[in-house]
Amino acid sequence: TVYLTLCELQTHRLDLTQTMQLLEIQTRYQMAIGQSRLALARLAQKLQMVDLMPLPHAVQMHHLLALAAESDARPHTAAYLRRRGDLLTPTIDLSPES
């Protein structure tokens, strides 16, 4: 099963890229099975890892963790995570040039 495979992967020595990929897969899996509280476990450590991810993945992870916080009735944490993700999203200036 997916759960057993993810558990087994945690016992292997992974490089940084593999560890970041595993974190993303685990978080998505935890959300898919309704385990938002588990997705938020060790949040400070997860955010340190998320900060090392390539920009698109970091933004997605912030918003995914924000959804987990909303599901777990933690609105302040959800707002904080969403703000962090929004800060990583480049803004496009659509104003006409003078």
PDB file of N, CA and C in Angstrom:
ATOM      1  N   THR A   1       0.836  -1.188   0.000  1.00  0.00           N
ATOM      2  CA  THR A   1       0.000   0.000   0.000  1.00  0.00           C
ATOM      3  C   THR A   1       0.880   1.250   0.000  1.00  0.00           C
ATOM      4  N   VAL A   2       0.255   2.364  -0.266  1.00  0.00           N
ATOM      5  CA  VAL A   2       0.975   3.640  -0.295  1.00  0.00           C
ATOM      6  C   VAL A   2       1.576   3.938   1.074  1.00  0.00           C
ATOM      7  N   TYR A   3       0.806   3.725   2.117  1.00  0.00           N
ATOM      8  CA  TYR A   3       1.278   4.028   3.468  1.00  0.00           C
ATOM      9  C   TYR A   3       2.543   3.240   3.806  1.00  0.00           C
ATOM     10  N   LEU A   4       2.530   1.961   3.518  1.00  0.00           N
ATOM     11  CA  LEU A   4       3.693   1.121   3.821  1.00  0.00           C
ATOM     12  C   LEU A   4       4.913   1.537   3.004  1.00  0.00           C
ATOM     13  N   THR A   5       4.689   1.894   1.765  1.00  0.00           N
ATOM     14  CA  THR A   5       5.781   2.342   0.909  1.00  0.00           C
ATOM     15  C   THR A   5       6.391   3.633   1.439  1.00  0.00           C
ATOM     16  N   LEU A   6       5.542   4.581   1.847  1.00  0.00           N
ATOM     17  CA  LEU A   6       6.052   5.837   2.407  1.00  0.00           C
ATOM     18  C   LEU A   6       6.819   5.588   3.703  1.00  0.00           C
ATOM     19  N   CYS A   7       6.319   4.692   4.523  1.00  0.00           N
ATOM     20  CA  CYS A   7       7.022   4.349   5.770  1.00  0.00           C
ATOM     21  C   CYS A   7       8.381   3.725   5.466  1.00  0.00           C
ATOM     22  N   GLU A   8       8.417   2.856   4.494  1.00  0.00           N
ATOM     23  CA  GLU A   8       9.681   2.204   4.126  1.00  0.00           C
ATOM     24  C   GLU A   8      10.683   3.222   3.590  1.00  0.00           C
ATOM     25  N   LEU A   9      10.223   4.156   2.794  1.00  0.00           N
ATOM     26  CA  LEU A   9      11.127   5.179   2.249  1.00  0.00           C
ATOM     27  C   LEU A   9      11.783   6.002   3.350  1.00  0.00           C
ATOM     28  N   GLN A  10      11.085   6.194   4.456  1.00  0.00           N
ATOM     29  CA  GLN A  10      11.637   6.975   5.560  1.00  0.00           C
ATOM     30  C   GLN A  10      12.817   6.271   6.224  1.00  0.00           C
ATOM     31  N   THR A  11      12.938   4.971   6.039  1.00  0.00           N
ATOM     32  CA  THR A  11      14.042   4.239   6.650  1.00  0.00           C
ATOM     33  C   THR A  11      15.307   4.284   5.802  1.00  0.00           C
ATOM     34  N   HIS A  12      15.185   4.753   4.561  1.00  0.00           N
ATOM     35  CA  HIS A  12      16.332   4.820   3.656  1.00  0.00           C
ATOM     36  C   HIS A  12      17.056   6.158   3.800  1.00  0.00           C
ATOM     37  N   ARG A  13      18.303   6.128   3.468  1.00  0.00           N
ATOM     38  CA  ARG A  13      19.100   7.351   3.460  1.00  0.00           C
ATOM     39  C   ARG A  13      18.811   8.072   2.144  1.00  0.00           C
ATOM     40  N   LEU A  14      18.187   9.242   2.240  1.00  0.00           N
ATOM     41  CA  LEU A  14      17.797  10.003   1.055  1.00  0.00           C
ATOM     42  C   LEU A  14      18.608  11.289   0.974  1.00  0.00           C
ATOM     43  N   ASP A  15      18.856  11.740  -0.251  1.00  0.00           N
ATOM     44  CA  ASP A  15      19.525  13.026  -0.387  1.00  0.00           C
ATOM     45  C   ASP A  15      18.482  14.132  -0.213  1.00  0.00           C
ATOM     46  N   LEU A  16      18.922  15.379  -0.246  1.00  0.00           N
ATOM     47  CA  LEU A  16      18.026  16.504   0.027  1.00  0.00           C
ATOM     48  C   LEU A  16      16.865  16.566  -0.963  1.00  0.00           C
ATOM     49  N   THR A  17      17.151  16.397  -2.228  1.00  0.00           N
ATOM     50  CA  THR A  17      16.086  16.445  -3.245  1.00  0.00           C
ATOM     51  C   THR A  17      15.060  15.349  -3.007  1.00  0.00           C
ATOM     52  N   GLN A  18      15.519  14.155  -2.716  1.00  0.00           N
ATOM     53  CA  GLN A  18      14.605  13.044  -2.459  1.00  0.00           C
ATOM     54  C   GLN A  18      13.791  13.282  -1.193  1.00  0.00           C
ATOM     55  N   THR A  19      14.420  13.866  -0.178  1.00  0.00           N
ATOM     56  CA  THR A  19      13.715  14.157   1.068  1.00  0.00           C
ATOM     57  C   THR A  19      12.612  15.180   0.834  1.00  0.00           C
ATOM     58  N   MET A  20      12.896  16.200   0.026  1.00  0.00           N
ATOM     59  CA  MET A  20      11.874  17.206  -0.280  1.00  0.00           C
ATOM     60  C   MET A  20      10.730  16.591  -1.079  1.00  0.00           C
ATOM     61  N   GLN A  21      11.066  15.721  -2.022  1.00  0.00           N
ATOM     62  CA  GLN A  21      10.035  15.053  -2.814  1.00  0.00           C
ATOM     63  C   GLN A  21       9.171  14.155  -1.935  1.00  0.00           C
ATOM     64  N   LEU A  22       9.806  13.447  -1.022  1.00  0.00           N
ATOM     65  CA  LEU A  22       9.057  12.582  -0.115  1.00  0.00           C
ATOM     66  C   LEU A  22       8.124  13.398   0.770  1.00  0.00           C
ATOM     67  N   LEU A  23       8.591  14.521   1.272  1.00  0.00           N
ATOM     68  CA  LEU A  23       7.742  15.388   2.099  1.00  0.00           C
ATOM     69  C   LEU A  23       6.497  15.832   1.319  1.00  0.00           C
ATOM     70  N   GLU A  24       6.695  16.217   0.082  1.00  0.00           N
ATOM     71  CA  GLU A  24       5.561  16.654  -0.740  1.00  0.00           C
ATOM     72  C   GLU A  24       4.580  15.514  -0.989  1.00  0.00           C
ATOM     73  N   ILE A  25       5.096  14.346  -1.304  1.00  0.00           N
ATOM     74  CA  ILE A  25       4.228  13.188  -1.551  1.00  0.00           C
ATOM     75  C   ILE A  25       3.482  12.797  -0.279  1.00  0.00           C
ATOM     76  N   GLN A  26       4.190  12.753   0.851  1.00  0.00           N
ATOM     77  CA  GLN A  26       3.548  12.397   2.117  1.00  0.00           C
ATOM     78  C   GLN A  26       2.440  13.381   2.470  1.00  0.00           C
ATOM     79  N   THR A  27       2.709  14.663   2.307  1.00  0.00           N
ATOM     80  CA  THR A  27       1.716  15.683   2.658  1.00  0.00           C
ATOM     81  C   THR A  27       0.486  15.551   1.776  1.00  0.00           C
ATOM     82  N   ARG A  28       0.694  15.354   0.484  1.00  0.00           N
ATOM     83  CA  ARG A  28      -0.442  15.170  -0.433  1.00  0.00           C
ATOM     84  C   ARG A  28      -1.242  13.915  -0.055  1.00  0.00           C
ATOM     85  N   TYR A  29      -0.533  12.843   0.271  1.00  0.00           N
ATOM     86  CA  TYR A  29      -1.203  11.602   0.661  1.00  0.00           C
ATOM     87  C   TYR A  29      -1.998  11.805   1.946  1.00  0.00           C
ATOM     88  N   GLN A  30      -1.398  12.446   2.934  1.00  0.00           N
ATOM     89  CA  GLN A  30      -2.086  12.682   4.201  1.00  0.00           C
ATOM     90  C   GLN A  30      -3.348  13.503   3.996  1.00  0.00           C
ATOM     91  N   MET A  31      -3.286  14.491   3.120  1.00  0.00           N
ATOM     92  CA  MET A  31      -4.485  15.292   2.838  1.00  0.00           C
ATOM     93  C   MET A  31      -5.529  14.459   2.092  1.00  0.00           C
ATOM     94  N   ALA A  32      -5.079  13.622   1.183  1.00  0.00           N
ATOM     95  CA  ALA A  32      -6.007  12.800   0.398  1.00  0.00           C
ATOM     96  C   ALA A  32      -6.782  11.824   1.271  1.00  0.00           C
ATOM     97  N   ILE A  33      -6.159  11.359   2.354  1.00  0.00           N
ATOM     98  CA  ILE A  33      -6.855  10.403   3.229  1.00  0.00           C
ATOM     99  C   ILE A  33      -7.498  11.096   4.434  1.00  0.00           C
ATOM    100  N   GLY A  34      -7.517  12.431   4.414  1.00  0.00           N
ATOM    101  CA  GLY A  34      -8.202  13.171   5.473  1.00  0.00           C
ATOM    102  C   GLY A  34      -7.423  13.308   6.765  1.00  0.00           C
ATOM    103  N   GLN A  35      -6.110  13.214   6.696  1.00  0.00           N
ATOM    104  CA  GLN A  35      -5.272  13.326   7.894  1.00  0.00           C
ATOM    105  C   GLN A  35      -4.586  14.696   7.954  1.00  0.00           C
ATOM    106  N   SER A  36      -5.385  15.746   8.010  1.00  0.00           N
ATOM    107  CA  SER A  36      -4.826  17.101   8.018  1.00  0.00           C
ATOM    108  C   SER A  36      -3.963  17.350   9.252  1.00  0.00           C
ATOM    109  N   ARG A  37      -4.342  16.792  10.376  1.00  0.00           N
ATOM    110  CA  ARG A  37      -3.546  16.984  11.602  1.00  0.00           C
ATOM    111  C   ARG A  37      -2.155  16.372  11.436  1.00  0.00           C
ATOM    112  N   LEU A  38      -2.104  15.213  10.816  1.00  0.00           N
ATOM    113  CA  LEU A  38      -0.820  14.564  10.560  1.00  0.00           C
ATOM    114  C   LEU A  38       0.003  15.380   9.557  1.00  0.00           C
ATOM    115  N   ALA A  39      -0.651  15.973   8.575  1.00  0.00           N
ATOM    116  CA  ALA A  39       0.049  16.812   7.596  1.00  0.00           C
ATOM    117  C   ALA A  39       0.693  18.024   8.268  1.00  0.00           C
ATOM    118  N   LEU A  40       0.127  18.469   9.383  1.00  0.00           N
ATOM    119  CA  LEU A  40       0.645  19.637  10.094  1.00  0.00           C
ATOM    120  C   LEU A  40       1.656  19.286  11.183  1.00  0.00           C
ATOM    121  N   ALA A  41       1.849  18.009  11.439  1.00  0.00           N
ATOM    122  CA  ALA A  41       2.795  17.593  12.483  1.00  0.00           C
ATOM    123  C   ALA A  41       4.195  18.088  12.133  1.00  0.00           C
ATOM    124  N   ARG A  42       4.929  18.541  13.150  1.00  0.00           N
ATOM    125  CA  ARG A  42       6.280  19.068  12.973  1.00  0.00           C
ATOM    126  C   ARG A  42       6.314  20.167  11.913  1.00  0.00           C
ATOM    127  N   LEU A  43       5.334  21.068  11.998  1.00  0.00           N
ATOM    128  CA  LEU A  43       5.168  22.104  10.984  1.00  0.00           C
ATOM    129  C   LEU A  43       6.411  22.980  10.829  1.00  0.00           C
ATOM    130  N   ALA A  44       7.027  23.383  11.922  1.00  0.00           N
ATOM    131  CA  ALA A  44       8.207  24.250  11.827  1.00  0.00           C
ATOM    132  C   ALA A  44       9.328  23.569  11.039  1.00  0.00           C
ATOM    133  N   GLN A  45       9.541  22.280  11.273  1.00  0.00           N
ATOM    134  CA  GLN A  45      10.569  21.549  10.534  1.00  0.00           C
ATOM    135  C   GLN A  45      10.189  21.395   9.070  1.00  0.00           C
ATOM    136  N   LYS A  46       8.909  21.160   8.813  1.00  0.00           N
ATOM    137  CA  LYS A  46       8.457  21.030   7.433  1.00  0.00           C
ATOM    138  C   LYS A  46       8.657  22.340   6.676  1.00  0.00           C
ATOM    139  N   LEU A  47       8.371  23.453   7.338  1.00  0.00           N
ATOM    140  CA  LEU A  47       8.531  24.742   6.666  1.00  0.00           C
ATOM    141  C   LEU A  47       9.993  25.032   6.340  1.00  0.00           C
ATOM    142  N   GLN A  48      10.903  24.575   7.183  1.00  0.00           N
ATOM    143  CA  GLN A  48      12.324  24.737   6.860  1.00  0.00           C
ATOM    144  C   GLN A  48      12.668  23.977   5.579  1.00  0.00           C
ATOM    145  N   MET A  49      12.109  22.794   5.425  1.00  0.00           N
ATOM    146  CA  MET A  49      12.345  22.003   4.220  1.00  0.00           C
ATOM    147  C   MET A  49      11.642  22.631   3.019  1.00  0.00           C
ATOM    148  N   VAL A  50      10.425  23.106   3.231  1.00  0.00           N
ATOM    149  CA  VAL A  50       9.662  23.739   2.150  1.00  0.00           C
ATOM    150  C   VAL A  50      10.406  24.966   1.618  1.00  0.00           C
ATOM    151  N   ASP A  51      11.059  25.698   2.504  1.00  0.00           N
ATOM    152  CA  ASP A  51      11.808  26.885   2.081  1.00  0.00           C
ATOM    153  C   ASP A  51      12.962  26.545   1.150  1.00  0.00           C
ATOM    154  N   LEU A  52      13.400  25.299   1.131  1.00  0.00           N
ATOM    155  CA  LEU A  52      14.486  24.880   0.246  1.00  0.00           C
ATOM    156  C   LEU A  52      13.984  24.358  -1.098  1.00  0.00           C
ATOM    157  N   MET A  53      12.672  24.169  -1.216  1.00  0.00           N
ATOM    158  CA  MET A  53      12.102  23.607  -2.443  1.00  0.00           C
ATOM    159  C   MET A  53      12.134  24.621  -3.577  1.00  0.00           C
ATOM    160  N   PRO A  54      12.116  24.118  -4.822  1.00  0.00           N
ATOM    161  CA  PRO A  54      11.957  25.034  -5.953  1.00  0.00           C
ATOM    162  C   PRO A  54      10.658  25.832  -5.781  1.00  0.00           C
ATOM    163  N   LEU A  55      10.665  27.050  -6.270  1.00  0.00           N
ATOM    164  CA  LEU A  55       9.567  27.991  -6.025  1.00  0.00           C
ATOM    165  C   LEU A  55       8.166  27.426  -6.267  1.00  0.00           C
ATOM    166  N   PRO A  56       7.880  26.813  -7.407  1.00  0.00           N
ATOM    167  CA  PRO A  56       6.502  26.314  -7.610  1.00  0.00           C
ATOM    168  C   PRO A  56       6.080  25.291  -6.559  1.00  0.00           C
ATOM    169  N   HIS A  57       7.004  24.428  -6.172  1.00  0.00           N
ATOM    170  CA  HIS A  57       6.687  23.411  -5.161  1.00  0.00           C
ATOM    171  C   HIS A  57       6.498  24.048  -3.786  1.00  0.00           C
ATOM    172  N   ALA A  58       7.326  25.041  -3.489  1.00  0.00           N
ATOM    173  CA  ALA A  58       7.202  25.727  -2.194  1.00  0.00           C
ATOM    174  C   ALA A  58       5.850  26.424  -2.078  1.00  0.00           C
ATOM    175  N   VAL A  59       5.429  27.085  -3.143  1.00  0.00           N
ATOM    176  CA  VAL A  59       4.126  27.771  -3.128  1.00  0.00           C
ATOM    177  C   VAL A  59       3.008  26.756  -2.940  1.00  0.00           C
ATOM    178  N   GLN A  60       3.062  25.660  -3.694  1.00  0.00           N
ATOM    179  CA  GLN A  60       2.029  24.625  -3.580  1.00  0.00           C
ATOM    180  C   GLN A  60       1.996  24.029  -2.181  1.00  0.00           C
ATOM    181  N   MET A  61       3.146  23.780  -1.607  1.00  0.00           N
ATOM    182  CA  MET A  61       3.187  23.201  -0.264  1.00  0.00           C
ATOM    183  C   MET A  61       2.621  24.164   0.778  1.00  0.00           C
ATOM    184  N   HIS A  62       2.927  25.441   0.662  1.00  0.00           N
ATOM    185  CA  HIS A  62       2.360  26.408   1.605  1.00  0.00           C
ATOM    186  C   HIS A  62       0.833  26.396   1.528  1.00  0.00           C
ATOM    187  N   HIS A  63       0.321  26.382   0.316  1.00  0.00           N
ATOM    188  CA  HIS A  63      -1.139  26.405   0.171  1.00  0.00           C
ATOM    189  C   HIS A  63      -1.763  25.075   0.580  1.00  0.00           C
ATOM    190  N   LEU A  64      -1.073  23.973   0.347  1.00  0.00           N
ATOM    191  CA  LEU A  64      -1.571  22.672   0.792  1.00  0.00           C
ATOM    192  C   LEU A  64      -1.596  22.599   2.319  1.00  0.00           C
ATOM    193  N   LEU A  65      -0.551  23.086   2.951  1.00  0.00           N
ATOM    194  CA  LEU A  65      -0.523  23.114   4.416  1.00  0.00           C
ATOM    195  C   LEU A  65      -1.563  24.086   4.969  1.00  0.00           C
ATOM    196  N   ALA A  66      -1.837  25.171   4.248  1.00  0.00           N
ATOM    197  CA  ALA A  66      -2.896  26.099   4.663  1.00  0.00           C
ATOM    198  C   ALA A  66      -4.253  25.391   4.628  1.00  0.00           C
ATOM    199  N   LEU A  67      -4.478  24.587   3.601  1.00  0.00           N
ATOM    200  CA  LEU A  67      -5.728  23.807   3.537  1.00  0.00           C
ATOM    201  C   LEU A  67      -5.811  22.820   4.698  1.00  0.00           C
ATOM    202  N   ALA A  68      -4.681  22.228   5.038  1.00  0.00           N
ATOM    203  CA  ALA A  68      -4.660  21.297   6.182  1.00  0.00           C
ATOM    204  C   ALA A  68      -5.028  22.039   7.457  1.00  0.00           C
ATOM    205  N   ALA A  69      -4.487  23.236   7.628  1.00  0.00           N
ATOM    206  CA  ALA A  69      -4.788  24.026   8.826  1.00  0.00           C
ATOM    207  C   ALA A  69      -6.263  24.413   8.867  1.00  0.00           C
ATOM    208  N   GLU A  70      -6.828  24.759   7.722  1.00  0.00           N
ATOM    209  CA  GLU A  70      -8.264  25.073   7.672  1.00  0.00           C
ATOM    210  C   GLU A  70      -9.082  23.844   8.049  1.00  0.00           C
ATOM    211  N   SER A  71      -8.701  22.691   7.524  1.00  0.00           N
ATOM    212  CA  SER A  71      -9.423  21.451   7.824  1.00  0.00           C
ATOM    213  C   SER A  71      -9.323  21.082   9.299  1.00  0.00           C
ATOM    214  N   ASP A  72      -8.238  21.502   9.924  1.00  0.00           N
ATOM    215  CA  ASP A  72      -8.007  21.190  11.337  1.00  0.00           C
ATOM    216  C   ASP A  72      -8.480  22.326  12.255  1.00  0.00           C
ATOM    217  N   ALA A  73      -9.279  23.245  11.712  1.00  0.00           N
ATOM    218  CA  ALA A  73      -9.844  24.372  12.471  1.00  0.00           C
ATOM    219  C   ALA A  73      -8.744  25.222  13.126  1.00  0.00           C
ATOM    220  N   ARG A  74      -7.728  25.542  12.340  1.00  0.00           N
ATOM    221  CA  ARG A  74      -6.638  26.399  12.809  1.00  0.00           C
ATOM    222  C   ARG A  74      -6.529  27.603  11.871  1.00  0.00           C
ATOM    223  N   PRO A  75      -7.501  28.528  11.947  1.00  0.00           N
ATOM    224  CA  PRO A  75      -7.559  29.623  10.977  1.00  0.00           C
ATOM    225  C   PRO A  75      -6.338  30.537  11.000  1.00  0.00           C
ATOM    226  N   HIS A  76      -5.741  30.772  12.157  1.00  0.00           N
ATOM    227  CA  HIS A  76      -4.570  31.657  12.214  1.00  0.00           C
ATOM    228  C   HIS A  76      -3.374  31.013  11.513  1.00  0.00           C
ATOM    229  N   THR A  77      -3.214  29.727  11.726  1.00  0.00           N
ATOM    230  CA  THR A  77      -2.133  29.003  11.062  1.00  0.00           C
ATOM    231  C   THR A  77      -2.381  28.975   9.560  1.00  0.00           C
ATOM    232  N   ALA A  78      -3.625  28.752   9.156  1.00  0.00           N
ATOM    233  CA  ALA A  78      -3.968  28.739   7.727  1.00  0.00           C
ATOM    234  C   ALA A  78      -3.654  30.087   7.086  1.00  0.00           C
ATOM    235  N   ALA A  79      -4.032  31.177   7.745  1.00  0.00           N
ATOM    236  CA  ALA A  79      -3.763  32.514   7.205  1.00  0.00           C
ATOM    237  C   ALA A  79      -2.260  32.764   7.094  1.00  0.00           C
ATOM    238  N   TYR A  80      -1.516  32.349   8.107  1.00  0.00           N
ATOM    239  CA  TYR A  80      -0.059  32.512   8.099  1.00  0.00           C
ATOM    240  C   TYR A  80       0.568  31.756   6.925  1.00  0.00           C
ATOM    241  N   LEU A  81       0.151  30.517   6.734  1.00  0.00           N
ATOM    242  CA  LEU A  81       0.704  29.702   5.657  1.00  0.00           C
ATOM    243  C   LEU A  81       0.325  30.244   4.286  1.00  0.00           C
ATOM    244  N   ARG A  82      -0.906  30.706   4.160  1.00  0.00           N
ATOM    245  CA  ARG A  82      -1.342  31.271   2.884  1.00  0.00           C
ATOM    246  C   ARG A  82      -0.547  32.550   2.570  1.00  0.00           C
ATOM    247  N   ARG A  83      -0.329  33.387   3.589  1.00  0.00           N
ATOM    248  CA  ARG A  83       0.477  34.610   3.396  1.00  0.00           C
ATOM    249  C   ARG A  83       1.887  34.264   2.949  1.00  0.00           C
ATOM    250  N   ARG A  84       2.482  33.263   3.587  1.00  0.00           N
ATOM    251  CA  ARG A  84       3.839  32.835   3.194  1.00  0.00           C
ATOM    252  C   ARG A  84       3.861  32.391   1.735  1.00  0.00           C
ATOM    253  N   GLY A  85       2.869  31.613   1.336  1.00  0.00           N
ATOM    254  CA  GLY A  85       2.788  31.168  -0.059  1.00  0.00           C
ATOM    255  C   GLY A  85       2.585  32.322  -1.012  1.00  0.00           C
ATOM    256  N   ASP A  86       1.737  33.269  -0.614  1.00  0.00           N
ATOM    257  CA  ASP A  86       1.483  34.431  -1.468  1.00  0.00           C
ATOM    258  C   ASP A  86       2.730  35.287  -1.645  1.00  0.00           C
ATOM    259  N   LEU A  87       3.546  35.378  -0.603  1.00  0.00           N
ATOM    260  CA  LEU A  87       4.780  36.167  -0.699  1.00  0.00           C
ATOM    261  C   LEU A  87       5.759  35.555  -1.701  1.00  0.00           C
ATOM    262  N   LEU A  88       5.658  34.261  -1.909  1.00  0.00           N
ATOM    263  CA  LEU A  88       6.541  33.585  -2.862  1.00  0.00           C
ATOM    264  C   LEU A  88       6.039  33.686  -4.295  1.00  0.00           C
ATOM    265  N   THR A  89       4.778  34.045  -4.450  1.00  0.00           N
ATOM    266  CA  THR A  89       4.178  34.113  -5.779  1.00  0.00           C
ATOM    267  C   THR A  89       4.535  35.455  -6.415  1.00  0.00           C
ATOM    268  N   PRO A  90       5.206  35.394  -7.557  1.00  0.00           N
ATOM    269  CA  PRO A  90       5.568  36.668  -8.192  1.00  0.00           C
ATOM    270  C   PRO A  90       4.316  37.428  -8.630  1.00  0.00           C
ATOM    271  N   THR A  91       4.381  38.712  -8.457  1.00  0.00           N
ATOM    272  CA  THR A  91       3.278  39.555  -8.899  1.00  0.00           C
ATOM    273  C   THR A  91       3.598  40.116 -10.270  1.00  0.00           C
ATOM    274  N   ILE A  92       2.579  40.298 -11.056  1.00  0.00           N
ATOM    275  CA  ILE A  92       2.742  40.835 -12.408  1.00  0.00           C
ATOM    276  C   ILE A  92       2.094  42.206 -12.435  1.00  0.00           C
ATOM    277  N   ASP A  93       2.858  43.182 -12.857  1.00  0.00           N
ATOM    278  CA  ASP A  93       2.343  44.547 -12.944  1.00  0.00           C
ATOM    279  C   ASP A  93       1.585  44.677 -14.264  1.00  0.00           C
ATOM    280  N   LEU A  94       0.267  44.839 -14.175  1.00  0.00           N
ATOM    281  CA  LEU A  94      -0.577  44.951 -15.350  1.00  0.00           C
ATOM    282  C   LEU A  94      -0.918  46.391 -15.703  1.00  0.00           C
ATOM    283  N   SER A  95      -0.344  47.331 -14.971  1.00  0.00           N
ATOM    284  CA  SER A  95      -0.644  48.732 -15.250  1.00  0.00           C
ATOM    285  C   SER A  95       0.021  49.157 -16.545  1.00  0.00           C
ATOM    286  N   PRO A  96      -0.661  50.010 -17.324  1.00  0.00           N
ATOM    287  CA  PRO A  96      -0.075  50.459 -18.593  1.00  0.00           C
ATOM    288  C   PRO A  96       1.158  51.329 -18.328  1.00  0.00           C
ATOM    289  N   GLU A  97       2.142  51.163 -19.181  1.00  0.00           N
ATOM    290  CA  GLU A  97       3.340  51.977 -19.032  1.00  0.00           C
ATOM    291  C   GLU A  97       3.083  53.390 -19.524  1.00  0.00           C
ATOM    292  N   SER A  98       3.697  54.355 -18.853  1.00  0.00           N
ATOM    293  CA  SER A  98       3.507  55.761 -19.244  1.00  0.00           C
ATOM    294  C   SER A  98       4.420  56.137 -20.358  1.00  0.00           C
TER     295      SER A  98
END
